[in-house]
Amino acid sequence: MGDRPEAGQECAGADRAGASMSQSDADAWFVREVLPLEASLMQYLARNWENKSDLPDLRQEIYARVCQSAQSQIPNSAKSFLFATARNFLIDLVRHSRVVQIEAMADLEALDIASDQPSPEREVSAREELRAVHAAIRRLPPRCQQSVVLRKVEGLSLREIGVRMNISEKTVERHLTDGLRALADVLYGEIKPRAKP
């Protein structure tokens, strides 16, 4: 892996076996469609890979993969194909490294590595957590319960909740504070004495 490919050598190193188009067609496509996306690609890599000194090498490997694929068929969307290739390459690096240091990746979730199915243990744990939250919400006083559900589940603003419940925003805020505090007490067992009003 080296620096950016020279004009005319963009896809020269790609495997020609089974190629359905000429080298010059693939090169022209690469220069016209892929190279203009370089700044965006480098930003993507910088956001998702902590070691910035690796970025030029990562870019070159991604370009090599794109060129190799373009030898057999030019993708319909160069941008989508380039970023899918980049994402998959970064995922491959993480999966195939023998020792993955947490510091090696800036943001694993941005790579969609967790797109695989969760483990059965994680599913059971998530269901138990959901049941606990649901039971805790049901224990809240009715106005607190309604405020919490409208805000945290339905995503309404304080103003929208106030209109729906026919109360002021300040009252909504108080119900939310009381409700969320009660939920935290139930879920995390952190029952703390509250100051009297």
C-alpha atoms as a PDB file:
ATOM      1  CA  MET A   1       0.000   0.000   0.000  1.00  0.00           C
ATOM      2  CA  GLY A   2       1.375   3.377  -0.929  1.00  0.00           C
ATOM      3  CA  ASP A   3       0.209   6.824  -1.815  1.00  0.00           C
ATOM      4  CA  ARG A   4      -2.681   7.818  -4.007  1.00  0.00           C
ATOM      5  CA  PRO A   5      -2.711   6.093  -7.418  1.00  0.00           C
ATOM      6  CA  GLU A   6      -1.233   7.960 -10.343  1.00  0.00           C
ATOM      7  CA  ALA A   7      -3.515   8.881 -13.250  1.00  0.00           C
ATOM      8  CA  GLY A   8      -3.639   5.975 -15.668  1.00  0.00           C
ATOM      9  CA  GLN A   9      -2.607   3.494 -12.959  1.00  0.00           C
ATOM     10  CA  GLU A  10      -5.803   3.662 -10.907  1.00  0.00           C
ATOM     11  CA  CYS A  11      -6.899   0.078 -11.390  1.00  0.00           C
ATOM     12  CA  ALA A  12      -3.773  -1.288 -13.050  1.00  0.00           C
ATOM     13  CA  GLY A  13      -3.008  -3.675 -10.211  1.00  0.00           C
ATOM     14  CA  ALA A  14      -6.457  -5.275 -10.146  1.00  0.00           C
ATOM     15  CA  ASP A  15      -6.952  -8.912 -11.090  1.00  0.00           C
ATOM     16  CA  ARG A  16      -7.923  -9.153 -14.760  1.00  0.00           C
ATOM     17  CA  ALA A  17      -9.271 -12.712 -14.648  1.00  0.00           C
ATOM     18  CA  GLY A  18     -12.869 -12.760 -15.828  1.00  0.00           C
ATOM     19  CA  ALA A  19     -12.869  -9.026 -16.593  1.00  0.00           C
ATOM     20  CA  SER A  20     -15.784  -7.951 -18.712  1.00  0.00           C
ATOM     21  CA  MET A  21     -14.493  -4.482 -19.530  1.00  0.00           C
ATOM     22  CA  SER A  22     -11.260  -2.909 -20.599  1.00  0.00           C
ATOM     23  CA  GLN A  23      -8.681  -1.585 -18.205  1.00  0.00           C
ATOM     24  CA  SER A  24      -9.130   1.906 -19.630  1.00  0.00           C
ATOM     25  CA  ASP A  25     -12.904   1.803 -18.974  1.00  0.00           C
ATOM     26  CA  ALA A  26     -12.319   0.830 -15.352  1.00  0.00           C
ATOM     27  CA  ASP A  27      -9.610   3.483 -14.992  1.00  0.00           C
ATOM     28  CA  ALA A  28     -11.845   6.164 -16.479  1.00  0.00           C
ATOM     29  CA  TRP A  29     -14.698   5.192 -14.179  1.00  0.00           C
ATOM     30  CA  PHE A  30     -12.360   5.263 -11.160  1.00  0.00           C
ATOM     31  CA  VAL A  31     -11.020   8.734 -11.998  1.00  0.00           C
ATOM     32  CA  ARG A  32     -14.460  10.122 -12.856  1.00  0.00           C
ATOM     33  CA  GLU A  33     -16.552   8.556 -10.057  1.00  0.00           C
ATOM     34  CA  VAL A  34     -14.326   7.399  -7.177  1.00  0.00           C
ATOM     35  CA  LEU A  35     -11.436   9.852  -6.855  1.00  0.00           C
ATOM     36  CA  PRO A  36     -13.738  12.880  -6.356  1.00  0.00           C
ATOM     37  CA  LEU A  37     -15.035  11.109  -3.223  1.00  0.00           C
ATOM     38  CA  GLU A  38     -11.579  10.956  -1.636  1.00  0.00           C
ATOM     39  CA  ALA A  39     -12.139  13.799   0.851  1.00  0.00           C
ATOM     40  CA  SER A  40     -15.367  12.204   2.080  1.00  0.00           C
ATOM     41  CA  LEU A  41     -13.687   8.806   2.309  1.00  0.00           C
ATOM     42  CA  MET A  42     -10.814  10.235   4.357  1.00  0.00           C
ATOM     43  CA  GLN A  43     -13.271  11.953   6.713  1.00  0.00           C
ATOM     44  CA  TYR A  44     -15.128   8.650   7.138  1.00  0.00           C
ATOM     45  CA  LEU A  45     -11.881   6.807   7.868  1.00  0.00           C
ATOM     46  CA  ALA A  46     -10.732   9.515  10.303  1.00  0.00           C
ATOM     47  CA  ARG A  47     -14.021   9.211  12.218  1.00  0.00           C
ATOM     48  CA  ASN A  48     -13.843   5.429  12.422  1.00  0.00           C
ATOM     49  CA  TRP A  49     -10.158   4.630  12.834  1.00  0.00           C
ATOM     50  CA  GLU A  50      -8.145   6.061  15.683  1.00  0.00           C
ATOM     51  CA  ASN A  51      -4.611   5.678  14.318  1.00  0.00           C
ATOM     52  CA  LYS A  52      -4.501   8.533  11.809  1.00  0.00           C
ATOM     53  CA  SER A  53      -1.139   7.411  10.410  1.00  0.00           C
ATOM     54  CA  ASP A  54      -2.905   4.315   8.996  1.00  0.00           C
ATOM     55  CA  LEU A  55      -5.376   6.346   6.926  1.00  0.00           C
ATOM     56  CA  PRO A  56      -3.385   6.579   3.651  1.00  0.00           C
ATOM     57  CA  ASP A  57      -2.772   2.810   3.711  1.00  0.00           C
ATOM     58  CA  LEU A  58      -6.416   2.105   4.488  1.00  0.00           C
ATOM     59  CA  ARG A  59      -7.479   4.365   1.615  1.00  0.00           C
ATOM     60  CA  GLN A  60      -5.169   2.532  -0.799  1.00  0.00           C
ATOM     61  CA  GLU A  61      -6.452  -0.894   0.231  1.00  0.00           C
ATOM     62  CA  ILE A  62     -10.027   0.297  -0.225  1.00  0.00           C
ATOM     63  CA  TYR A  63      -9.150   1.698  -3.654  1.00  0.00           C
ATOM     64  CA  ALA A  64      -7.546  -1.645  -4.590  1.00  0.00           C
ATOM     65  CA  ARG A  65     -10.707  -3.526  -3.577  1.00  0.00           C
ATOM     66  CA  VAL A  66     -12.915  -1.099  -5.497  1.00  0.00           C
ATOM     67  CA  CYS A  67     -10.719  -1.431  -8.588  1.00  0.00           C
ATOM     68  CA  GLN A  68     -10.703  -5.203  -8.394  1.00  0.00           C
ATOM     69  CA  SER A  69     -14.490  -5.290  -8.254  1.00  0.00           C
ATOM     70  CA  ALA A  70     -14.804  -2.743 -11.066  1.00  0.00           C
ATOM     71  CA  GLN A  71     -12.840  -5.060 -13.350  1.00  0.00           C
ATOM     72  CA  SER A  72     -15.780  -7.454 -13.501  1.00  0.00           C
ATOM     73  CA  GLN A  73     -18.639  -4.963 -13.185  1.00  0.00           C
ATOM     74  CA  ILE A  74     -18.910  -1.210 -12.682  1.00  0.00           C
ATOM     75  CA  PRO A  75     -21.213  -0.532  -9.706  1.00  0.00           C
ATOM     76  CA  ASN A  76     -24.342   1.568 -10.270  1.00  0.00           C
ATOM     77  CA  SER A  77     -23.488   3.989  -7.460  1.00  0.00           C
ATOM     78  CA  ALA A  78     -19.794   4.654  -6.954  1.00  0.00           C
ATOM     79  CA  LYS A  79     -20.396   6.452  -3.665  1.00  0.00           C
ATOM     80  CA  SER A  80     -22.481   3.683  -2.103  1.00  0.00           C
ATOM     81  CA  PHE A  81     -20.061   1.041  -3.320  1.00  0.00           C
ATOM     82  CA  LEU A  82     -16.994   2.941  -2.069  1.00  0.00           C
ATOM     83  CA  PHE A  83     -18.391   3.462   1.427  1.00  0.00           C
ATOM     84  CA  ALA A  84     -19.752  -0.079   1.683  1.00  0.00           C
ATOM     85  CA  THR A  85     -16.308  -1.337   0.704  1.00  0.00           C
ATOM     86  CA  ALA A  86     -14.664   0.949   3.287  1.00  0.00           C
ATOM     87  CA  ARG A  87     -17.067  -0.168   6.016  1.00  0.00           C
ATOM     88  CA  ASN A  88     -16.580  -3.851   5.214  1.00  0.00           C
ATOM     89  CA  PHE A  89     -12.812  -3.448   5.085  1.00  0.00           C
ATOM     90  CA  LEU A  90     -12.717  -1.817   8.533  1.00  0.00           C
ATOM     91  CA  ILE A  91     -14.952  -4.549   9.910  1.00  0.00           C
ATOM     92  CA  ASP A  92     -12.633  -7.183   8.414  1.00  0.00           C
ATOM     93  CA  LEU A  93      -9.643  -5.512  10.064  1.00  0.00           C
ATOM     94  CA  VAL A  94     -11.323  -5.615  13.454  1.00  0.00           C
ATOM     95  CA  ARG A  95     -12.570  -9.194  13.082  1.00  0.00           C
ATOM     96  CA  HIS A  96      -9.300 -10.621  11.820  1.00  0.00           C
ATOM     97  CA  SER A  97      -6.908  -8.925  14.186  1.00  0.00           C
ATOM     98  CA  ARG A  98      -5.629 -11.288  16.833  1.00  0.00           C
ATOM     99  CA  VAL A  99      -5.703  -8.732  19.619  1.00  0.00           C
ATOM    100  CA  VAL A 100      -8.178  -5.917  19.255  1.00  0.00           C
ATOM    101  CA  GLN A 101      -7.320  -3.043  21.516  1.00  0.00           C
ATOM    102  CA  ILE A 102     -10.272  -0.916  22.478  1.00  0.00           C
ATOM    103  CA  GLU A 103      -8.276   2.171  21.542  1.00  0.00           C
ATOM    104  CA  ALA A 104      -7.803   0.863  17.976  1.00  0.00           C
ATOM    105  CA  MET A 105     -11.316   1.866  16.997  1.00  0.00           C
ATOM    106  CA  ALA A 106     -12.798   5.309  17.504  1.00  0.00           C
ATOM    107  CA  ASP A 107     -16.417   4.199  17.221  1.00  0.00           C
ATOM    108  CA  LEU A 108     -17.259   0.522  16.677  1.00  0.00           C
ATOM    109  CA  GLU A 109     -21.009   1.211  16.508  1.00  0.00           C
ATOM    110  CA  ALA A 110     -20.565   3.509  13.524  1.00  0.00           C
ATOM    111  CA  LEU A 111     -19.272   0.497  11.596  1.00  0.00           C
ATOM    112  CA  ASP A 112     -22.459  -1.495  12.213  1.00  0.00           C
ATOM    113  CA  ILE A 113     -20.406  -4.403  13.550  1.00  0.00           C
ATOM    114  CA  ALA A 114     -23.291  -5.123  15.897  1.00  0.00           C
ATOM    115  CA  SER A 115     -25.520  -5.826  12.911  1.00  0.00           C
ATOM    116  CA  ASP A 116     -25.156  -9.568  13.627  1.00  0.00           C
ATOM    117  CA  GLN A 117     -27.935 -11.158  15.632  1.00  0.00           C
ATOM    118  CA  PRO A 118     -27.598 -10.682  19.405  1.00  0.00           C
ATOM    119  CA  SER A 119     -26.681 -13.713  21.457  1.00  0.00           C
ATOM    120  CA  PRO A 120     -29.500 -15.625  23.155  1.00  0.00           C
ATOM    121  CA  GLU A 121     -28.160 -14.464  26.510  1.00  0.00           C
ATOM    122  CA  ARG A 122     -28.331 -10.842  25.384  1.00  0.00           C
ATOM    123  CA  GLU A 123     -31.892 -11.315  24.112  1.00  0.00           C
ATOM    124  CA  VAL A 124     -32.994 -12.783  27.449  1.00  0.00           C
ATOM    125  CA  SER A 125     -31.228 -10.013  29.337  1.00  0.00           C
ATOM    126  CA  ALA A 126     -32.814  -7.327  27.157  1.00  0.00           C
ATOM    127  CA  ARG A 127     -36.273  -8.829  27.640  1.00  0.00           C
ATOM    128  CA  GLU A 128     -35.775  -8.912  31.406  1.00  0.00           C
ATOM    129  CA  GLU A 129     -34.635  -5.283  31.382  1.00  0.00           C
ATOM    130  CA  LEU A 130     -37.654  -4.311  29.294  1.00  0.00           C
ATOM    131  CA  ARG A 131     -40.025  -6.119  31.673  1.00  0.00           C
ATOM    132  CA  ALA A 132     -38.398  -4.371  34.650  1.00  0.00           C
ATOM    133  CA  VAL A 133     -38.770  -0.958  33.012  1.00  0.00           C
ATOM    134  CA  HIS A 134     -42.385  -1.687  32.059  1.00  0.00           C
ATOM    135  CA  ALA A 135     -43.226  -2.825  35.600  1.00  0.00           C
ATOM    136  CA  ALA A 136     -41.488   0.242  37.060  1.00  0.00           C
ATOM    137  CA  ILE A 137     -43.449   2.567  34.767  1.00  0.00           C
ATOM    138  CA  ARG A 138     -46.720   0.891  35.811  1.00  0.00           C
ATOM    139  CA  ARG A 139     -45.867   1.640  39.473  1.00  0.00           C
ATOM    140  CA  LEU A 140     -45.672   5.391  38.836  1.00  0.00           C
ATOM    141  CA  PRO A 141     -48.551   7.702  39.754  1.00  0.00           C
ATOM    142  CA  PRO A 142     -50.855   8.142  36.721  1.00  0.00           C
ATOM    143  CA  ARG A 143     -49.765  11.703  35.789  1.00  0.00           C
ATOM    144  CA  CYS A 144     -46.055  10.873  36.166  1.00  0.00           C
ATOM    145  CA  GLN A 145     -46.560   7.686  34.165  1.00  0.00           C
ATOM    146  CA  GLN A 146     -48.338   9.534  31.363  1.00  0.00           C
ATOM    147  CA  SER A 147     -45.659  12.284  31.288  1.00  0.00           C
ATOM    148  CA  VAL A 148     -42.794   9.782  31.154  1.00  0.00           C
ATOM    149  CA  VAL A 149     -44.417   7.702  28.408  1.00  0.00           C
ATOM    150  CA  LEU A 150     -45.284  10.753  26.289  1.00  0.00           C
ATOM    151  CA  ARG A 151     -41.765  12.174  26.642  1.00  0.00           C
ATOM    152  CA  LYS A 152     -39.512   9.104  26.592  1.00  0.00           C
ATOM    153  CA  VAL A 153     -41.533   6.690  24.463  1.00  0.00           C
ATOM    154  CA  GLU A 154     -43.485   8.935  22.114  1.00  0.00           C
ATOM    155  CA  GLY A 155     -40.835  11.683  22.027  1.00  0.00           C
ATOM    156  CA  LEU A 156     -43.197  14.620  22.549  1.00  0.00           C
ATOM    157  CA  SER A 157     -41.899  18.007  23.697  1.00  0.00           C
ATOM    158  CA  LEU A 158     -42.824  19.436  27.091  1.00  0.00           C
ATOM    159  CA  ARG A 159     -45.171  21.842  25.346  1.00  0.00           C
ATOM    160  CA  GLU A 160     -46.920  19.061  23.409  1.00  0.00           C
ATOM    161  CA  ILE A 161     -47.302  17.008  26.576  1.00  0.00           C
ATOM    162  CA  GLY A 162     -48.736  20.007  28.411  1.00  0.00           C
ATOM    163  CA  VAL A 163     -51.308  20.545  25.667  1.00  0.00           C
ATOM    164  CA  ARG A 164     -52.254  16.874  25.588  1.00  0.00           C
ATOM    165  CA  MET A 165     -52.547  16.611  29.384  1.00  0.00           C
ATOM    166  CA  ASN A 166     -54.038  20.102  29.759  1.00  0.00           C
ATOM    167  CA  ILE A 167     -51.361  21.212  32.254  1.00  0.00           C
ATOM    168  CA  SER A 168     -48.499  23.745  32.190  1.00  0.00           C
ATOM    169  CA  GLU A 169     -45.014  22.913  30.934  1.00  0.00           C
ATOM    170  CA  LYS A 170     -43.688  23.513  34.443  1.00  0.00           C
ATOM    171  CA  THR A 171     -46.087  20.890  35.808  1.00  0.00           C
ATOM    172  CA  VAL A 172     -45.059  18.478  33.043  1.00  0.00           C
ATOM    173  CA  GLU A 173     -41.434  19.046  33.971  1.00  0.00           C
ATOM    174  CA  ARG A 174     -42.200  18.322  37.639  1.00  0.00           C
ATOM    175  CA  HIS A 175     -44.087  15.113  36.740  1.00  0.00           C
ATOM    176  CA  LEU A 176     -41.169  14.012  34.532  1.00  0.00           C
ATOM    177  CA  THR A 177     -38.602  14.729  37.230  1.00  0.00           C
ATOM    178  CA  ASP A 178     -40.604  12.855  39.848  1.00  0.00           C
ATOM    179  CA  GLY A 179     -41.338   9.974  37.468  1.00  0.00           C
ATOM    180  CA  LEU A 180     -37.749   9.552  36.269  1.00  0.00           C
ATOM    181  CA  ARG A 181     -36.420   9.763  39.818  1.00  0.00           C
ATOM    182  CA  ALA A 182     -38.902   7.082  40.914  1.00  0.00           C
ATOM    183  CA  LEU A 183     -37.901   4.894  37.937  1.00  0.00           C
ATOM    184  CA  ALA A 184     -34.229   5.228  38.844  1.00  0.00           C
ATOM    185  CA  ASP A 185     -35.028   4.322  42.446  1.00  0.00           C
ATOM    186  CA  VAL A 186     -36.911   1.199  41.383  1.00  0.00           C
ATOM    187  CA  LEU A 187     -34.527   0.081  38.639  1.00  0.00           C
ATOM    188  CA  TYR A 188     -31.222   0.871  40.298  1.00  0.00           C
ATOM    189  CA  GLY A 189     -32.172   0.588  43.961  1.00  0.00           C
ATOM    190  CA  GLU A 190     -30.851   4.056  44.678  1.00  0.00           C
ATOM    191  CA  ILE A 191     -33.480   5.226  47.106  1.00  0.00           C
ATOM    192  CA  LYS A 192     -32.243   8.571  48.338  1.00  0.00           C
ATOM    193  CA  PRO A 193     -33.937  10.871  50.814  1.00  0.00           C
ATOM    194  CA  ARG A 194     -35.593  13.764  49.058  1.00  0.00           C
ATOM    195  CA  ALA A 195     -35.703  17.285  50.380  1.00  0.00           C
ATOM    196  CA  LYS A 196     -39.146  18.344  51.491  1.00  0.00           C
ATOM    197  CA  PRO A 197     -40.686  21.173  49.458  1.00  0.00           C
END
